[in-house]
Amino acid sequence: MYLNFFLFQLYPYIALTVFIVATWIRYDRDQYSWNARSSQILSDRWFVVGNNLFHWSVILILSAHFVGLLTPEAVYKSIISPEHKQIMAMIVGGTLGVICFIGMTILVLRRLFNSRVRATSRVSDIVILLAVYVQLTLGIATIHTSAQHLDGVEMEALANWVQHLAILDSDAYLYLNHVSLIFKIHVLWGMTLFVLFPFTRLVHIVSVPLKYITRTGYQIVRK
């Protein structure tokens, strides 16, 4: 019980705190390291394929997680049943997961076995890439477990857990008591990625140059 309390009640807040505070400190004190360290200059055709497959699918996966976990039960039940919601999540998540897995596999193999890319890689680049790869694999593995019971109960439990953490409910962890182990591992590894985030190249995610979308013009300087 105490272990569950720490892992699923305290650890989420610890991970979120590290994510926010460490990211802010890095941005404030070490902006020169705030970049994607892209190896696109060393790119080839397979990099373009893998990069596009990974980035577009992972954006959709994260968006689906956000909507699925944070939409109140009363809202989605007026549109779809828990059973149908779970089936839809399995189909959409499974399809996007496979696409993302293909893209990530290309990027992982390139990072590890392309001598030019490997020579420019830091240890943290490889560690975070493999950590995300593991998380993606765990996510795909949950589909098999979900298919064993299509009543939507575990999906509801996970959503209730997230929503009750959001309102600082001290008993939120209880919602995961009867959730399958694979979901718990997936959740824990996901929170660990939040802890690792500020210390890796992933920080570039929160620096999307949105202002360029609304720019009205460009100034061309000639010598």
C-alpha atoms as a PDB file:
ATOM      1  CA  MET A   1       0.000   0.000   0.000  1.00  0.00           C
ATOM      2  CA  TYR A   2       2.775   2.436   0.918  1.00  0.00           C
ATOM      3  CA  LEU A   3       4.627   1.636  -2.313  1.00  0.00           C
ATOM      4  CA  ASN A   4       1.485   2.273  -4.364  1.00  0.00           C
ATOM      5  CA  PHE A   5       0.951   5.533  -2.493  1.00  0.00           C
ATOM      6  CA  PHE A   6       4.458   6.701  -3.328  1.00  0.00           C
ATOM      7  CA  LEU A   7       4.452   5.543  -6.958  1.00  0.00           C
ATOM      8  CA  PHE A   8       0.979   6.677  -7.946  1.00  0.00           C
ATOM      9  CA  GLN A   9       0.255   9.515  -5.510  1.00  0.00           C
ATOM     10  CA  LEU A  10       3.535  11.248  -4.663  1.00  0.00           C
ATOM     11  CA  TYR A  11       5.714  10.402  -7.663  1.00  0.00           C
ATOM     12  CA  PRO A  12       3.414  12.114 -10.201  1.00  0.00           C
ATOM     13  CA  TYR A  13       3.755  15.413  -8.314  1.00  0.00           C
ATOM     14  CA  ILE A  14       7.518  14.912  -7.905  1.00  0.00           C
ATOM     15  CA  ALA A  15       7.885  14.231 -11.631  1.00  0.00           C
ATOM     16  CA  LEU A  16       5.793  17.265 -12.561  1.00  0.00           C
ATOM     17  CA  THR A  17       7.743  19.501 -10.169  1.00  0.00           C
ATOM     18  CA  VAL A  18      11.105  18.357 -11.565  1.00  0.00           C
ATOM     19  CA  PHE A  19       9.762  18.815 -15.094  1.00  0.00           C
ATOM     20  CA  ILE A  20       8.656  22.413 -14.489  1.00  0.00           C
ATOM     21  CA  VAL A  21      11.412  23.657 -12.160  1.00  0.00           C
ATOM     22  CA  ALA A  22      14.383  22.017 -13.892  1.00  0.00           C
ATOM     23  CA  THR A  23      13.119  23.055 -17.331  1.00  0.00           C
ATOM     24  CA  TRP A  24      12.748  26.665 -16.177  1.00  0.00           C
ATOM     25  CA  ILE A  25      16.220  26.672 -14.566  1.00  0.00           C
ATOM     26  CA  ARG A  26      17.826  25.252 -17.700  1.00  0.00           C
ATOM     27  CA  TYR A  27      16.111  27.831 -19.889  1.00  0.00           C
ATOM     28  CA  ASP A  28      17.125  30.634 -17.531  1.00  0.00           C
ATOM     29  CA  ARG A  29      20.755  29.609 -17.075  1.00  0.00           C
ATOM     30  CA  ASP A  30      21.781  27.559 -20.095  1.00  0.00           C
ATOM     31  CA  GLN A  31      19.912  28.736 -23.181  1.00  0.00           C
ATOM     32  CA  TYR A  32      22.769  27.788 -25.498  1.00  0.00           C
ATOM     33  CA  SER A  33      22.012  24.129 -24.794  1.00  0.00           C
ATOM     34  CA  TRP A  34      18.312  24.659 -25.534  1.00  0.00           C
ATOM     35  CA  ASN A  35      18.056  23.071 -28.955  1.00  0.00           C
ATOM     36  CA  ALA A  36      17.117  19.854 -30.710  1.00  0.00           C
ATOM     37  CA  ARG A  37      20.730  19.033 -31.623  1.00  0.00           C
ATOM     38  CA  SER A  38      19.287  17.952 -34.936  1.00  0.00           C
ATOM     39  CA  SER A  39      21.334  15.622 -37.106  1.00  0.00           C
ATOM     40  CA  GLN A  40      19.288  16.580 -40.151  1.00  0.00           C
ATOM     41  CA  ILE A  41      22.414  17.877 -41.865  1.00  0.00           C
ATOM     42  CA  LEU A  42      23.552  14.246 -41.892  1.00  0.00           C
ATOM     43  CA  SER A  43      20.181  13.080 -43.112  1.00  0.00           C
ATOM     44  CA  ASP A  44      19.312  10.617 -45.807  1.00  0.00           C
ATOM     45  CA  ARG A  45      16.058   9.393 -47.299  1.00  0.00           C
ATOM     46  CA  TRP A  46      15.367   7.040 -44.394  1.00  0.00           C
ATOM     47  CA  PHE A  47      15.824   9.839 -41.874  1.00  0.00           C
ATOM     48  CA  VAL A  48      13.140  11.901 -43.597  1.00  0.00           C
ATOM     49  CA  VAL A  49      10.759   8.925 -43.586  1.00  0.00           C
ATOM     50  CA  GLY A  50      11.427   7.980 -39.957  1.00  0.00           C
ATOM     51  CA  ASN A  51      11.387  11.566 -38.733  1.00  0.00           C
ATOM     52  CA  ASN A  52       8.024  12.352 -40.331  1.00  0.00           C
ATOM     53  CA  LEU A  53       6.413   9.087 -39.242  1.00  0.00           C
ATOM     54  CA  PHE A  54       7.588   9.581 -35.660  1.00  0.00           C
ATOM     55  CA  HIS A  55       6.819  13.255 -35.139  1.00  0.00           C
ATOM     56  CA  TRP A  56       3.365  13.363 -36.699  1.00  0.00           C
ATOM     57  CA  SER A  57       2.200  10.149 -35.050  1.00  0.00           C
ATOM     58  CA  VAL A  58       3.567  11.028 -31.608  1.00  0.00           C
ATOM     59  CA  ILE A  59       1.804  14.415 -31.707  1.00  0.00           C
ATOM     60  CA  LEU A  60      -1.481  12.647 -32.405  1.00  0.00           C
ATOM     61  CA  ILE A  61      -0.795  10.001 -29.738  1.00  0.00           C
ATOM     62  CA  LEU A  62      -0.113  12.619 -27.062  1.00  0.00           C
ATOM     63  CA  SER A  63      -3.194  14.589 -28.102  1.00  0.00           C
ATOM     64  CA  ALA A  64      -5.338  11.451 -27.879  1.00  0.00           C
ATOM     65  CA  HIS A  65      -3.943  10.681 -24.411  1.00  0.00           C
ATOM     66  CA  PHE A  66      -4.690  14.223 -23.273  1.00  0.00           C
ATOM     67  CA  VAL A  67      -8.286  14.129 -24.490  1.00  0.00           C
ATOM     68  CA  GLY A  68      -8.936  10.560 -23.376  1.00  0.00           C
ATOM     69  CA  LEU A  69      -7.581  10.966 -19.862  1.00  0.00           C
ATOM     70  CA  LEU A  70      -8.846  14.453 -19.062  1.00  0.00           C
ATOM     71  CA  THR A  71     -12.341  14.361 -20.556  1.00  0.00           C
ATOM     72  CA  PRO A  72     -14.781  13.973 -17.627  1.00  0.00           C
ATOM     73  CA  GLU A  73     -16.817  10.787 -17.597  1.00  0.00           C
ATOM     74  CA  ALA A  74     -20.111  12.689 -17.650  1.00  0.00           C
ATOM     75  CA  VAL A  75     -19.071  14.467 -20.848  1.00  0.00           C
ATOM     76  CA  TYR A  76     -17.993  11.530 -22.979  1.00  0.00           C
ATOM     77  CA  LYS A  77     -20.763   9.212 -21.737  1.00  0.00           C
ATOM     78  CA  SER A  78     -23.284  11.529 -23.360  1.00  0.00           C
ATOM     79  CA  ILE A  79     -21.584  10.800 -26.680  1.00  0.00           C
ATOM     80  CA  ILE A  80     -20.098   7.311 -26.445  1.00  0.00           C
ATOM     81  CA  SER A  81     -20.176   4.341 -24.059  1.00  0.00           C
ATOM     82  CA  PRO A  82     -17.057   3.308 -22.088  1.00  0.00           C
ATOM     83  CA  GLU A  83     -16.915   0.081 -24.092  1.00  0.00           C
ATOM     84  CA  HIS A  84     -16.951   1.869 -27.445  1.00  0.00           C
ATOM     85  CA  LYS A  85     -14.496   4.461 -26.165  1.00  0.00           C
ATOM     86  CA  GLN A  86     -12.052   1.689 -25.284  1.00  0.00           C
ATOM     87  CA  ILE A  87     -12.430  -0.003 -28.668  1.00  0.00           C
ATOM     88  CA  MET A  88     -11.898   3.325 -30.438  1.00  0.00           C
ATOM     89  CA  ALA A  89      -8.824   3.996 -28.280  1.00  0.00           C
ATOM     90  CA  MET A  90      -7.415   0.573 -29.162  1.00  0.00           C
ATOM     91  CA  ILE A  91      -7.942   1.064 -32.896  1.00  0.00           C
ATOM     92  CA  VAL A  92      -6.671   4.642 -33.061  1.00  0.00           C
ATOM     93  CA  GLY A  93      -3.889   4.076 -30.537  1.00  0.00           C
ATOM     94  CA  GLY A  94      -2.827   0.820 -32.145  1.00  0.00           C
ATOM     95  CA  THR A  95      -2.675   2.318 -35.635  1.00  0.00           C
ATOM     96  CA  LEU A  96      -0.754   5.401 -34.532  1.00  0.00           C
ATOM     97  CA  GLY A  97       1.432   3.270 -32.277  1.00  0.00           C
ATOM     98  CA  VAL A  98       2.525   1.021 -35.136  1.00  0.00           C
ATOM     99  CA  ILE A  99       3.250   4.027 -37.369  1.00  0.00           C
ATOM    100  CA  CYS A 100       5.244   5.666 -34.568  1.00  0.00           C
ATOM    101  CA  PHE A 101       7.065   2.396 -33.853  1.00  0.00           C
ATOM    102  CA  ILE A 102       8.186   2.125 -37.479  1.00  0.00           C
ATOM    103  CA  GLY A 103       9.403   5.719 -37.448  1.00  0.00           C
ATOM    104  CA  MET A 104      11.198   5.322 -34.129  1.00  0.00           C
ATOM    105  CA  THR A 105      12.835   2.073 -35.204  1.00  0.00           C
ATOM    106  CA  ILE A 106      14.315   3.859 -38.207  1.00  0.00           C
ATOM    107  CA  LEU A 107      15.580   6.699 -35.979  1.00  0.00           C
ATOM    108  CA  VAL A 108      16.997   4.339 -33.330  1.00  0.00           C
ATOM    109  CA  LEU A 109      18.850   2.200 -35.883  1.00  0.00           C
ATOM    110  CA  ARG A 110      20.184   5.325 -37.558  1.00  0.00           C
ATOM    111  CA  ARG A 111      21.337   6.821 -34.262  1.00  0.00           C
ATOM    112  CA  LEU A 112      23.086   3.613 -33.183  1.00  0.00           C
ATOM    113  CA  PHE A 113      24.545   2.311 -36.431  1.00  0.00           C
ATOM    114  CA  ASN A 114      25.154   5.324 -38.673  1.00  0.00           C
ATOM    115  CA  SER A 115      28.775   6.170 -37.890  1.00  0.00           C
ATOM    116  CA  ARG A 116      28.444   9.882 -38.700  1.00  0.00           C
ATOM    117  CA  VAL A 117      25.323  10.311 -36.572  1.00  0.00           C
ATOM    118  CA  ARG A 118      26.755   8.213 -33.740  1.00  0.00           C
ATOM    119  CA  ALA A 119      29.894  10.380 -33.694  1.00  0.00           C
ATOM    120  CA  THR A 120      27.825  13.523 -33.069  1.00  0.00           C
ATOM    121  CA  SER A 121      25.557  11.926 -30.448  1.00  0.00           C
ATOM    122  CA  ARG A 122      25.795  12.498 -26.722  1.00  0.00           C
ATOM    123  CA  VAL A 123      25.050   9.720 -24.257  1.00  0.00           C
ATOM    124  CA  SER A 124      21.899  11.600 -23.231  1.00  0.00           C
ATOM    125  CA  ASP A 125      20.717  11.608 -26.869  1.00  0.00           C
ATOM    126  CA  ILE A 126      20.855   7.828 -27.036  1.00  0.00           C
ATOM    127  CA  VAL A 127      19.428   7.314 -23.540  1.00  0.00           C
ATOM    128  CA  ILE A 128      16.355   9.491 -24.114  1.00  0.00           C
ATOM    129  CA  LEU A 129      15.736   8.007 -27.566  1.00  0.00           C
ATOM    130  CA  LEU A 130      15.774   4.482 -26.132  1.00  0.00           C
ATOM    131  CA  ALA A 131      13.653   5.592 -23.154  1.00  0.00           C
ATOM    132  CA  VAL A 132      10.961   6.936 -25.494  1.00  0.00           C
ATOM    133  CA  TYR A 133      11.256   3.756 -27.575  1.00  0.00           C
ATOM    134  CA  VAL A 134      10.612   1.643 -24.470  1.00  0.00           C
ATOM    135  CA  GLN A 135       7.596   3.779 -23.552  1.00  0.00           C
ATOM    136  CA  LEU A 136       6.155   3.392 -27.028  1.00  0.00           C
ATOM    137  CA  THR A 137       6.646  -0.379 -26.862  1.00  0.00           C
ATOM    138  CA  LEU A 138       4.904  -0.510 -23.482  1.00  0.00           C
ATOM    139  CA  GLY A 139       2.012   1.502 -24.884  1.00  0.00           C
ATOM    140  CA  ILE A 140       1.571  -0.916 -27.775  1.00  0.00           C
ATOM    141  CA  ALA A 141       1.761  -3.837 -25.330  1.00  0.00           C
ATOM    142  CA  THR A 142      -1.208  -2.479 -23.374  1.00  0.00           C
ATOM    143  CA  ILE A 143      -3.462  -3.098 -26.373  1.00  0.00           C
ATOM    144  CA  HIS A 144      -3.232  -6.870 -25.925  1.00  0.00           C
ATOM    145  CA  THR A 145      -4.279  -6.528 -22.281  1.00  0.00           C
ATOM    146  CA  SER A 146      -7.112  -4.165 -23.198  1.00  0.00           C
ATOM    147  CA  ALA A 147      -8.418  -6.677 -25.730  1.00  0.00           C
ATOM    148  CA  GLN A 148      -8.906  -9.262 -22.966  1.00  0.00           C
ATOM    149  CA  HIS A 149     -11.704  -7.213 -21.407  1.00  0.00           C
ATOM    150  CA  LEU A 150     -13.616  -4.661 -23.419  1.00  0.00           C
ATOM    151  CA  ASP A 151     -15.782  -3.286 -20.629  1.00  0.00           C
ATOM    152  CA  GLY A 152     -13.829  -0.030 -20.405  1.00  0.00           C
ATOM    153  CA  VAL A 153     -13.295  -0.367 -16.646  1.00  0.00           C
ATOM    154  CA  GLU A 154      -9.509   0.013 -16.709  1.00  0.00           C
ATOM    155  CA  MET A 155      -9.701   2.973 -19.075  1.00  0.00           C
ATOM    156  CA  GLU A 156     -12.121   4.650 -16.674  1.00  0.00           C
ATOM    157  CA  ALA A 157      -9.826   3.893 -13.736  1.00  0.00           C
ATOM    158  CA  LEU A 158      -6.840   5.474 -15.487  1.00  0.00           C
ATOM    159  CA  ALA A 159      -8.850   8.557 -16.440  1.00  0.00           C
ATOM    160  CA  ASN A 160     -10.223   8.903 -12.900  1.00  0.00           C
ATOM    161  CA  TRP A 161      -6.693   8.610 -11.509  1.00  0.00           C
ATOM    162  CA  VAL A 162      -5.380  11.438 -13.701  1.00  0.00           C
ATOM    163  CA  GLN A 163      -8.377  13.672 -13.089  1.00  0.00           C
ATOM    164  CA  HIS A 164      -8.265  13.187  -9.324  1.00  0.00           C
ATOM    165  CA  LEU A 165      -4.539  13.904  -9.268  1.00  0.00           C
ATOM    166  CA  ALA A 166      -5.351  17.132 -11.104  1.00  0.00           C
ATOM    167  CA  ILE A 167      -7.705  18.213  -8.314  1.00  0.00           C
ATOM    168  CA  LEU A 168      -5.155  17.176  -5.638  1.00  0.00           C
ATOM    169  CA  ASP A 169      -7.212  14.275  -4.301  1.00  0.00           C
ATOM    170  CA  SER A 170      -5.037  12.481  -1.724  1.00  0.00           C
ATOM    171  CA  ASP A 171      -6.733   9.173  -2.524  1.00  0.00           C
ATOM    172  CA  ALA A 172      -6.243   9.295  -6.293  1.00  0.00           C
ATOM    173  CA  TYR A 173      -3.802   6.366  -6.200  1.00  0.00           C
ATOM    174  CA  LEU A 174      -6.609   4.029  -5.112  1.00  0.00           C
ATOM    175  CA  TYR A 175      -8.062   4.118  -8.627  1.00  0.00           C
ATOM    176  CA  LEU A 176      -5.084   2.096  -9.864  1.00  0.00           C
ATOM    177  CA  ASN A 177      -5.316  -0.668  -7.256  1.00  0.00           C
ATOM    178  CA  HIS A 178      -6.871  -3.157  -9.660  1.00  0.00           C
ATOM    179  CA  VAL A 179      -5.383  -1.936 -12.927  1.00  0.00           C
ATOM    180  CA  SER A 180      -3.245  -4.434 -14.870  1.00  0.00           C
ATOM    181  CA  LEU A 181       0.514  -4.345 -14.273  1.00  0.00           C
ATOM    182  CA  ILE A 182       1.350  -3.353 -17.852  1.00  0.00           C
ATOM    183  CA  PHE A 183      -0.653  -0.136 -17.456  1.00  0.00           C
ATOM    184  CA  LYS A 184       1.124   0.669 -14.188  1.00  0.00           C
ATOM    185  CA  ILE A 185       4.537   0.159 -15.787  1.00  0.00           C
ATOM    186  CA  HIS A 186       3.504   2.309 -18.759  1.00  0.00           C
ATOM    187  CA  VAL A 187       2.349   5.066 -16.401  1.00  0.00           C
ATOM    188  CA  LEU A 188       5.495   4.927 -14.253  1.00  0.00           C
ATOM    189  CA  TRP A 189       7.812   4.997 -17.246  1.00  0.00           C
ATOM    190  CA  GLY A 190       5.866   7.923 -18.668  1.00  0.00           C
ATOM    191  CA  MET A 191       6.318   9.895 -15.443  1.00  0.00           C
ATOM    192  CA  THR A 192      10.026   9.043 -15.486  1.00  0.00           C
ATOM    193  CA  LEU A 193      10.261  10.613 -18.943  1.00  0.00           C
ATOM    194  CA  PHE A 194       8.950  13.826 -17.361  1.00  0.00           C
ATOM    195  CA  VAL A 195      11.832  13.633 -14.871  1.00  0.00           C
ATOM    196  CA  LEU A 196      14.401  13.076 -17.626  1.00  0.00           C
ATOM    197  CA  PHE A 197      12.911  15.713 -19.935  1.00  0.00           C
ATOM    198  CA  PRO A 198      14.710  18.862 -18.646  1.00  0.00           C
ATOM    199  CA  PHE A 199      18.130  17.216 -18.886  1.00  0.00           C
ATOM    200  CA  THR A 200      17.876  16.111 -22.517  1.00  0.00           C
ATOM    201  CA  ARG A 201      17.311  17.453 -26.020  1.00  0.00           C
ATOM    202  CA  LEU A 202      13.555  17.014 -25.546  1.00  0.00           C
ATOM    203  CA  VAL A 203      13.375  20.536 -24.115  1.00  0.00           C
ATOM    204  CA  HIS A 204      13.097  21.883 -27.654  1.00  0.00           C
ATOM    205  CA  ILE A 205       9.497  20.624 -27.641  1.00  0.00           C
ATOM    206  CA  VAL A 206       8.392  23.544 -25.442  1.00  0.00           C
ATOM    207  CA  SER A 207      10.050  26.106 -27.726  1.00  0.00           C
ATOM    208  CA  VAL A 208       7.767  25.857 -30.736  1.00  0.00           C
ATOM    209  CA  PRO A 209       8.255  29.167 -32.633  1.00  0.00           C
ATOM    210  CA  LEU A 210       4.560  30.026 -32.824  1.00  0.00           C
ATOM    211  CA  LYS A 211       5.310  33.697 -33.445  1.00  0.00           C
ATOM    212  CA  TYR A 212       6.542  32.842 -36.937  1.00  0.00           C
ATOM    213  CA  ILE A 213       3.019  31.778 -37.874  1.00  0.00           C
ATOM    214  CA  THR A 214       1.669  35.291 -37.248  1.00  0.00           C
ATOM    215  CA  ARG A 215       4.576  37.280 -38.683  1.00  0.00           C
ATOM    216  CA  THR A 216       3.364  39.861 -41.197  1.00  0.00           C
ATOM    217  CA  GLY A 217       6.562  40.303 -43.137  1.00  0.00           C
ATOM    218  CA  TYR A 218      10.282  39.767 -43.423  1.00  0.00           C
ATOM    219  CA  GLN A 219      13.137  42.208 -43.670  1.00  0.00           C
ATOM    220  CA  ILE A 220      15.814  41.400 -46.213  1.00  0.00           C
ATOM    221  CA  VAL A 221      19.206  42.919 -45.455  1.00  0.00           C
ATOM    222  CA  ARG A 222      21.631  43.348 -48.345  1.00  0.00           C
ATOM    223  CA  LYS A 223      25.298  44.130 -48.150  1.00  0.00           C
END
